[in-house]
Amino acid sequence: MIYSDTATERLADIARRSGPSPIGRWAKAAWQQLAPASAKALPTRDRVREAAELRVWATYVERANPSFADDLFAAADRHEAIAA
């Protein structure tokens, strides 16, 4: 069956007026539930606090594995330097 240009234009006009399809509305609703509205919704990182927590962990590990603790302390210093 061959449609005329006028029939095709009429169908396209009906589709424009009727709004998005039910699948499109469902997909939009699902995306809004799964993804945050913006990047601002994500929690900000507190690098100074994270470095302090890493140093506490390094202190606990220091007696059992001094070289690993040294690596953790160095990592904390680098992590904190990124914040500045």
PDB file of N, CA and C in Angstrom:
ATOM      1  N   MET A   1       0.844  -1.167   0.000  1.00  0.00           N
ATOM      2  CA  MET A   1       0.000   0.000   0.000  1.00  0.00           C
ATOM      3  C   MET A   1       0.893   1.235   0.000  1.00  0.00           C
ATOM      4  N   ILE A   2       0.620   2.148  -0.877  1.00  0.00           N
ATOM      5  CA  ILE A   2       1.403   3.373  -1.008  1.00  0.00           C
ATOM      6  C   ILE A   2       0.591   4.520  -0.411  1.00  0.00           C
ATOM      7  N   TYR A   3       1.238   5.255   0.480  1.00  0.00           N
ATOM      8  CA  TYR A   3       0.573   6.400   1.090  1.00  0.00           C
ATOM      9  C   TYR A   3       0.925   7.664   0.327  1.00  0.00           C
ATOM     10  N   SER A   4      -0.023   8.536   0.239  1.00  0.00           N
ATOM     11  CA  SER A   4       0.251   9.815  -0.418  1.00  0.00           C
ATOM     12  C   SER A   4       0.968  10.735   0.561  1.00  0.00           C
ATOM     13  N   ASP A   5       1.580  11.758   0.047  1.00  0.00           N
ATOM     14  CA  ASP A   5       2.273  12.715   0.913  1.00  0.00           C
ATOM     15  C   ASP A   5       1.319  13.362   1.906  1.00  0.00           C
ATOM     16  N   THR A   6       0.105  13.605   1.482  1.00  0.00           N
ATOM     17  CA  THR A   6      -0.850  14.243   2.382  1.00  0.00           C
ATOM     18  C   THR A   6      -1.216  13.326   3.541  1.00  0.00           C
ATOM     19  N   ALA A   7      -1.388  12.053   3.267  1.00  0.00           N
ATOM     20  CA  ALA A   7      -1.716  11.110   4.335  1.00  0.00           C
ATOM     21  C   ALA A   7      -0.543  10.990   5.308  1.00  0.00           C
ATOM     22  N   THR A   8       0.662  10.940   4.781  1.00  0.00           N
ATOM     23  CA  THR A   8       1.836  10.855   5.631  1.00  0.00           C
ATOM     24  C   THR A   8       1.963  12.099   6.500  1.00  0.00           C
ATOM     25  N   GLU A   9       1.699  13.247   5.903  1.00  0.00           N
ATOM     26  CA  GLU A   9       1.766  14.496   6.671  1.00  0.00           C
ATOM     27  C   GLU A   9       0.706  14.511   7.763  1.00  0.00           C
ATOM     28  N   ARG A  10      -0.486  14.009   7.453  1.00  0.00           N
ATOM     29  CA  ARG A  10      -1.541  13.960   8.462  1.00  0.00           C
ATOM     30  C   ARG A  10      -1.171  13.039   9.618  1.00  0.00           C
ATOM     31  N   LEU A  11      -0.599  11.879   9.303  1.00  0.00           N
ATOM     32  CA  LEU A  11      -0.172  10.963  10.364  1.00  0.00           C
ATOM     33  C   LEU A  11       0.937  11.580  11.224  1.00  0.00           C
ATOM     34  N   ALA A  12       1.867  12.262  10.583  1.00  0.00           N
ATOM     35  CA  ALA A  12       2.936  12.913  11.320  1.00  0.00           C
ATOM     36  C   ALA A  12       2.376  14.011  12.214  1.00  0.00           C
ATOM     37  N   ASP A  13       1.368  14.726  11.726  1.00  0.00           N
ATOM     38  CA  ASP A  13       0.747  15.785  12.511  1.00  0.00           C
ATOM     39  C   ASP A  13       0.021  15.205  13.724  1.00  0.00           C
ATOM     40  N   ILE A  14      -0.648  14.080  13.541  1.00  0.00           N
ATOM     41  CA  ILE A  14      -1.328  13.411  14.659  1.00  0.00           C
ATOM     42  C   ILE A  14      -0.311  12.974  15.705  1.00  0.00           C
ATOM     43  N   ALA A  15       0.806  12.422  15.264  1.00  0.00           N
ATOM     44  CA  ALA A  15       1.847  11.981  16.195  1.00  0.00           C
ATOM     45  C   ALA A  15       2.417  13.163  16.974  1.00  0.00           C
ATOM     46  N   ARG A  16       2.603  14.305  16.304  1.00  0.00           N
ATOM     47  CA  ARG A  16       3.137  15.486  16.999  1.00  0.00           C
ATOM     48  C   ARG A  16       2.156  15.996  18.041  1.00  0.00           C
ATOM     49  N   ARG A  17       0.869  16.004  17.723  1.00  0.00           N
ATOM     50  CA  ARG A  17      -0.129  16.526  18.654  1.00  0.00           C
ATOM     51  C   ARG A  17      -0.394  15.592  19.827  1.00  0.00           C
ATOM     52  N   SER A  18      -0.241  14.300  19.633  1.00  0.00           N
ATOM     53  CA  SER A  18      -0.588  13.354  20.691  1.00  0.00           C
ATOM     54  C   SER A  18       0.494  13.240  21.755  1.00  0.00           C
ATOM     55  N   GLY A  19       1.670  13.800  21.514  1.00  0.00           N
ATOM     56  CA  GLY A  19       2.730  13.762  22.516  1.00  0.00           C
ATOM     57  C   GLY A  19       3.536  12.487  22.427  1.00  0.00           C
ATOM     58  N   PRO A  20       4.403  12.284  23.426  1.00  0.00           N
ATOM     59  CA  PRO A  20       5.282  11.104  23.380  1.00  0.00           C
ATOM     60  C   PRO A  20       4.495   9.805  23.544  1.00  0.00           C
ATOM     61  N   SER A  21       5.075   8.754  23.046  1.00  0.00           N
ATOM     62  CA  SER A  21       4.425   7.452  23.127  1.00  0.00           C
ATOM     63  C   SER A  21       4.462   6.937  24.562  1.00  0.00           C
ATOM     64  N   PRO A  22       3.628   5.964  24.908  1.00  0.00           N
ATOM     65  CA  PRO A  22       3.674   5.396  26.251  1.00  0.00           C
ATOM     66  C   PRO A  22       5.047   4.814  26.588  1.00  0.00           C
ATOM     67  N   ILE A  23       5.706   4.229  25.606  1.00  0.00           N
ATOM     68  CA  ILE A  23       7.045   3.685  25.854  1.00  0.00           C
ATOM     69  C   ILE A  23       8.020   4.820  26.140  1.00  0.00           C
ATOM     70  N   GLY A  24       7.885   5.914  25.400  1.00  0.00           N
ATOM     71  CA  GLY A  24       8.745   7.067  25.636  1.00  0.00           C
ATOM     72  C   GLY A  24       8.533   7.651  27.018  1.00  0.00           C
ATOM     73  N   ARG A  25       7.277   7.740  27.444  1.00  0.00           N
ATOM     74  CA  ARG A  25       6.989   8.253  28.800  1.00  0.00           C
ATOM     75  C   ARG A  25       7.546   7.314  29.858  1.00  0.00           C
ATOM     76  N   TRP A  26       7.412   6.004  29.631  1.00  0.00           N
ATOM     77  CA  TRP A  26       7.952   5.041  30.596  1.00  0.00           C
ATOM     78  C   TRP A  26       9.469   5.155  30.676  1.00  0.00           C
ATOM     79  N   ALA A  27      10.132   5.256  29.509  1.00  0.00           N
ATOM     80  CA  ALA A  27      11.594   5.351  29.498  1.00  0.00           C
ATOM     81  C   ALA A  27      12.062   6.615  30.202  1.00  0.00           C
ATOM     82  N   LYS A  28      11.371   7.717  29.988  1.00  0.00           N
ATOM     83  CA  LYS A  28      11.741   8.968  30.652  1.00  0.00           C
ATOM     84  C   LYS A  28      11.577   8.848  32.159  1.00  0.00           C
ATOM     85  N   ALA A  29      10.486   8.257  32.611  1.00  0.00           N
ATOM     86  CA  ALA A  29      10.263   8.082  34.049  1.00  0.00           C
ATOM     87  C   ALA A  29      11.308   7.156  34.660  1.00  0.00           C
ATOM     88  N   ALA A  30      11.652   6.090  33.943  1.00  0.00           N
ATOM     89  CA  ALA A  30      12.667   5.166  34.457  1.00  0.00           C
ATOM     90  C   ALA A  30      14.017   5.857  34.548  1.00  0.00           C
ATOM     91  N   TRP A  31      14.370   6.635  33.539  1.00  0.00           N
ATOM     92  CA  TRP A  31      15.652   7.343  33.552  1.00  0.00           C
ATOM     93  C   TRP A  31      15.702   8.344  34.714  1.00  0.00           C
ATOM     94  N   GLN A  32      14.616   9.044  34.963  1.00  0.00           N
ATOM     95  CA  GLN A  32      14.597  10.017  36.056  1.00  0.00           C
ATOM     96  C   GLN A  32      14.745   9.336  37.408  1.00  0.00           C
ATOM     97  N   GLN A  33      14.253   8.111  37.537  1.00  0.00           N
ATOM     98  CA  GLN A  33      14.399   7.384  38.796  1.00  0.00           C
ATOM     99  C   GLN A  33      15.819   6.861  38.979  1.00  0.00           C
ATOM    100  N   LEU A  34      16.465   6.452  37.891  1.00  0.00           N
ATOM    101  CA  LEU A  34      17.777   5.838  37.980  1.00  0.00           C
ATOM    102  C   LEU A  34      18.915   6.851  38.009  1.00  0.00           C
ATOM    103  N   ALA A  35      18.789   7.932  37.289  1.00  0.00           N
ATOM    104  CA  ALA A  35      19.880   8.901  37.177  1.00  0.00           C
ATOM    105  C   ALA A  35      19.549  10.143  37.998  1.00  0.00           C
ATOM    106  N   PRO A  36      20.542  10.717  38.663  1.00  0.00           N
ATOM    107  CA  PRO A  36      20.287  11.962  39.390  1.00  0.00           C
ATOM    108  C   PRO A  36      19.961  13.088  38.414  1.00  0.00           C
ATOM    109  N   ALA A  37      19.234  14.075  38.895  1.00  0.00           N
ATOM    110  CA  ALA A  37      18.803  15.173  38.034  1.00  0.00           C
ATOM    111  C   ALA A  37      19.989  15.957  37.489  1.00  0.00           C
ATOM    112  N   SER A  38      21.040  16.048  38.257  1.00  0.00           N
ATOM    113  CA  SER A  38      22.225  16.756  37.788  1.00  0.00           C
ATOM    114  C   SER A  38      23.439  16.257  38.551  1.00  0.00           C
ATOM    115  N   ALA A  39      24.591  16.671  38.128  1.00  0.00           N
ATOM    116  CA  ALA A  39      25.816  16.266  38.819  1.00  0.00           C
ATOM    117  C   ALA A  39      25.877  16.864  40.219  1.00  0.00           C
ATOM    118  N   LYS A  40      25.139  17.935  40.447  1.00  0.00           N
ATOM    119  CA  LYS A  40      25.116  18.560  41.775  1.00  0.00           C
ATOM    120  C   LYS A  40      24.481  17.644  42.817  1.00  0.00           C
ATOM    121  N   ALA A  41      23.687  16.680  42.370  1.00  0.00           N
ATOM    122  CA  ALA A  41      23.036  15.772  43.302  1.00  0.00           C
ATOM    123  C   ALA A  41      24.029  14.780  43.916  1.00  0.00           C
ATOM    124  N   LEU A  42      25.177  14.616  43.277  1.00  0.00           N
ATOM    125  CA  LEU A  42      26.182  13.695  43.798  1.00  0.00           C
ATOM    126  C   LEU A  42      26.878  14.316  45.005  1.00  0.00           C
ATOM    127  N   PRO A  43      27.232  13.510  45.998  1.00  0.00           N
ATOM    128  CA  PRO A  43      27.901  14.081  47.166  1.00  0.00           C
ATOM    129  C   PRO A  43      29.293  14.592  46.807  1.00  0.00           C
ATOM    130  N   THR A  44      29.668  15.686  47.430  1.00  0.00           N
ATOM    131  CA  THR A  44      30.999  16.222  47.190  1.00  0.00           C
ATOM    132  C   THR A  44      32.002  15.469  48.048  1.00  0.00           C
ATOM    133  N   ARG A  45      33.237  15.392  47.578  1.00  0.00           N
ATOM    134  CA  ARG A  45      34.271  14.663  48.300  1.00  0.00           C
ATOM    135  C   ARG A  45      34.993  15.623  49.235  1.00  0.00           C
ATOM    136  N   ASP A  46      35.232  15.158  50.433  1.00  0.00           N
ATOM    137  CA  ASP A  46      36.026  15.918  51.389  1.00  0.00           C
ATOM    138  C   ASP A  46      37.382  15.222  51.483  1.00  0.00           C
ATOM    139  N   ARG A  47      38.316  15.662  50.667  1.00  0.00           N
ATOM    140  CA  ARG A  47      39.606  14.991  50.563  1.00  0.00           C
ATOM    141  C   ARG A  47      40.404  15.071  51.857  1.00  0.00           C
ATOM    142  N   VAL A  48      40.264  16.138  52.609  1.00  0.00           N
ATOM    143  CA  VAL A  48      40.997  16.276  53.864  1.00  0.00           C
ATOM    144  C   VAL A  48      40.514  15.218  54.868  1.00  0.00           C
ATOM    145  N   ARG A  49      39.185  15.052  54.933  1.00  0.00           N
ATOM    146  CA  ARG A  49      38.633  14.040  55.841  1.00  0.00           C
ATOM    147  C   ARG A  49      39.031  12.635  55.389  1.00  0.00           C
ATOM    148  N   GLU A  50      38.976  12.377  54.080  1.00  0.00           N
ATOM    149  CA  GLU A  50      39.362  11.062  53.570  1.00  0.00           C
ATOM    150  C   GLU A  50      40.831  10.760  53.874  1.00  0.00           C
ATOM    151  N   ALA A  51      41.697  11.773  53.748  1.00  0.00           N
ATOM    152  CA  ALA A  51      43.123  11.584  54.058  1.00  0.00           C
ATOM    153  C   ALA A  51      43.316  11.287  55.538  1.00  0.00           C
ATOM    154  N   ALA A  52      42.548  11.961  56.384  1.00  0.00           N
ATOM    155  CA  ALA A  52      42.648  11.715  57.828  1.00  0.00           C
ATOM    156  C   ALA A  52      42.215  10.283  58.157  1.00  0.00           C
ATOM    157  N   GLU A  53      41.151   9.814  57.517  1.00  0.00           N
ATOM    158  CA  GLU A  53      40.702   8.438  57.743  1.00  0.00           C
ATOM    159  C   GLU A  53      41.753   7.433  57.269  1.00  0.00           C
ATOM    160  N   LEU A  54      42.413   7.736  56.186  1.00  0.00           N
ATOM    161  CA  LEU A  54      43.464   6.858  55.676  1.00  0.00           C
ATOM    162  C   LEU A  54      44.654   6.815  56.638  1.00  0.00           C
ATOM    163  N   ARG A  55      44.967   7.948  57.238  1.00  0.00           N
ATOM    164  CA  ARG A  55      46.063   7.973  58.225  1.00  0.00           C
ATOM    165  C   ARG A  55      45.718   7.159  59.468  1.00  0.00           C
ATOM    166  N   VAL A  56      44.455   7.197  59.881  1.00  0.00           N
ATOM    167  CA  VAL A  56      44.028   6.381  61.027  1.00  0.00           C
ATOM    168  C   VAL A  56      44.200   4.904  60.697  1.00  0.00           C
ATOM    169  N   TRP A  57      43.811   4.507  59.515  1.00  0.00           N
ATOM    170  CA  TRP A  57      43.971   3.112  59.091  1.00  0.00           C
ATOM    171  C   TRP A  57      45.446   2.741  59.041  1.00  0.00           C
ATOM    172  N   ALA A  58      46.271   3.651  58.532  1.00  0.00           N
ATOM    173  CA  ALA A  58      47.715   3.384  58.460  1.00  0.00           C
ATOM    174  C   ALA A  58      48.299   3.199  59.856  1.00  0.00           C
ATOM    175  N   THR A  59      47.788   3.937  60.830  1.00  0.00           N
ATOM    176  CA  THR A  59      48.273   3.795  62.205  1.00  0.00           C
ATOM    177  C   THR A  59      47.958   2.406  62.747  1.00  0.00           C
ATOM    178  N   TYR A  60      46.779   1.885  62.433  1.00  0.00           N
ATOM    179  CA  TYR A  60      46.415   0.538  62.887  1.00  0.00           C
ATOM    180  C   TYR A  60      47.284  -0.535  62.235  1.00  0.00           C
ATOM    181  N   VAL A  61      47.660  -0.329  60.995  1.00  0.00           N
ATOM    182  CA  VAL A  61      48.413  -1.322  60.235  1.00  0.00           C
ATOM    183  C   VAL A  61      49.922  -1.230  60.518  1.00  0.00           C
ATOM    184  N   GLU A  62      50.356  -0.118  61.062  1.00  0.00           N
ATOM    185  CA  GLU A  62      51.786   0.185  61.171  1.00  0.00           C
ATOM    186  C   GLU A  62      52.600  -0.892  61.886  1.00  0.00           C
ATOM    187  N   ARG A  63      52.093  -1.443  62.968  1.00  0.00           N
ATOM    188  CA  ARG A  63      52.860  -2.456  63.715  1.00  0.00           C
ATOM    189  C   ARG A  63      52.971  -3.767  62.938  1.00  0.00           C
ATOM    190  N   ALA A  64      51.916  -4.152  62.250  1.00  0.00           N
ATOM    191  CA  ALA A  64      51.906  -5.433  61.534  1.00  0.00           C
ATOM    192  C   ALA A  64      52.680  -5.353  60.222  1.00  0.00           C
ATOM    193  N   ASN A  65      52.591  -4.218  59.544  1.00  0.00           N
ATOM    194  CA  ASN A  65      53.216  -4.101  58.225  1.00  0.00           C
ATOM    195  C   ASN A  65      53.680  -2.655  58.019  1.00  0.00           C
ATOM    196  N   PRO A  66      54.871  -2.314  58.518  1.00  0.00           N
ATOM    197  CA  PRO A  66      55.348  -0.930  58.461  1.00  0.00           C
ATOM    198  C   PRO A  66      55.490  -0.377  57.036  1.00  0.00           C
ATOM    199  N   SER A  67      55.923  -1.201  56.099  1.00  0.00           N
ATOM    200  CA  SER A  67      56.102  -0.678  54.736  1.00  0.00           C
ATOM    201  C   SER A  67      54.752  -0.338  54.090  1.00  0.00           C
ATOM    202  N   PHE A  68      53.735  -1.160  54.366  1.00  0.00           N
ATOM    203  CA  PHE A  68      52.402  -0.865  53.848  1.00  0.00           C
ATOM    204  C   PHE A  68      51.857   0.400  54.491  1.00  0.00           C
ATOM    205  N   ALA A  69      52.105   0.558  55.788  1.00  0.00           N
ATOM    206  CA  ALA A  69      51.664   1.769  56.486  1.00  0.00           C
ATOM    207  C   ALA A  69      52.337   3.003  55.887  1.00  0.00           C
ATOM    208  N   ASP A  70      53.616   2.902  55.563  1.00  0.00           N
ATOM    209  CA  ASP A  70      54.303   4.025  54.924  1.00  0.00           C
ATOM    210  C   ASP A  70      53.658   4.383  53.589  1.00  0.00           C
ATOM    211  N   ASP A  71      53.275   3.363  52.836  1.00  0.00           N
ATOM    212  CA  ASP A  71      52.588   3.605  51.565  1.00  0.00           C
ATOM    213  C   ASP A  71      51.243   4.307  51.788  1.00  0.00           C
ATOM    214  N   LEU A  72      50.531   3.886  52.831  1.00  0.00           N
ATOM    215  CA  LEU A  72      49.242   4.517  53.131  1.00  0.00           C
ATOM    216  C   LEU A  72      49.418   5.975  53.544  1.00  0.00           C
ATOM    217  N   PHE A  73      50.439   6.245  54.367  1.00  0.00           N
ATOM    218  CA  PHE A  73      50.701   7.628  54.771  1.00  0.00           C
ATOM    219  C   PHE A  73      51.048   8.492  53.558  1.00  0.00           C
ATOM    220  N   ALA A  74      51.853   7.950  52.647  1.00  0.00           N
ATOM    221  CA  ALA A  74      52.213   8.689  51.436  1.00  0.00           C
ATOM    222  C   ALA A  74      50.977   8.928  50.559  1.00  0.00           C
ATOM    223  N   ALA A  75      50.129   7.933  50.455  1.00  0.00           N
ATOM    224  CA  ALA A  75      48.905   8.088  49.675  1.00  0.00           C
ATOM    225  C   ALA A  75      47.999   9.153  50.285  1.00  0.00           C
ATOM    226  N   ALA A  76      47.920   9.180  51.613  1.00  0.00           N
ATOM    227  CA  ALA A  76      47.119  10.191  52.296  1.00  0.00           C
ATOM    228  C   ALA A  76      47.666  11.591  52.006  1.00  0.00           C
ATOM    229  N   ASP A  77      48.990  11.722  52.029  1.00  0.00           N
ATOM    230  CA  ASP A  77      49.596  13.023  51.717  1.00  0.00           C
ATOM    231  C   ASP A  77      49.270  13.467  50.289  1.00  0.00           C
ATOM    232  N   ARG A  78      49.358  12.553  49.336  1.00  0.00           N
ATOM    233  CA  ARG A  78      49.044  12.884  47.934  1.00  0.00           C
ATOM    234  C   ARG A  78      47.554  13.233  47.790  1.00  0.00           C
ATOM    235  N   HIS A  79      46.714  12.478  48.451  1.00  0.00           N
ATOM    236  CA  HIS A  79      45.267  12.697  48.367  1.00  0.00           C
ATOM    237  C   HIS A  79      44.907  14.062  48.938  1.00  0.00           C
ATOM    238  N   GLU A  80      45.531  14.410  50.031  1.00  0.00           N
ATOM    239  CA  GLU A  80      45.257  15.703  50.666  1.00  0.00           C
ATOM    240  C   GLU A  80      45.805  16.853  49.823  1.00  0.00           C
ATOM    241  N   ALA A  81      46.924  16.630  49.157  1.00  0.00           N
ATOM    242  CA  ALA A  81      47.508  17.680  48.314  1.00  0.00           C
ATOM    243  C   ALA A  81      46.611  18.021  47.127  1.00  0.00           C
ATOM    244  N   ILE A  82      45.828  17.061  46.678  1.00  0.00           N
ATOM    245  CA  ILE A  82      44.907  17.308  45.566  1.00  0.00           C
ATOM    246  C   ILE A  82      43.833  18.303  45.994  1.00  0.00           C
ATOM    247  N   ALA A  83      43.458  18.280  47.271  1.00  0.00           N
ATOM    248  CA  ALA A  83      42.408  19.159  47.779  1.00  0.00           C
ATOM    249  C   ALA A  83      42.853  20.616  47.767  1.00  0.00           C
ATOM    250  N   ALA A  84      44.155  20.843  47.895  1.00  0.00           N
ATOM    251  CA  ALA A  84      44.644  22.231  47.971  1.00  0.00           C
ATOM    252  C   ALA A  84      44.680  22.904  46.633  1.00  0.00           C
TER     253      ALA A  84
END
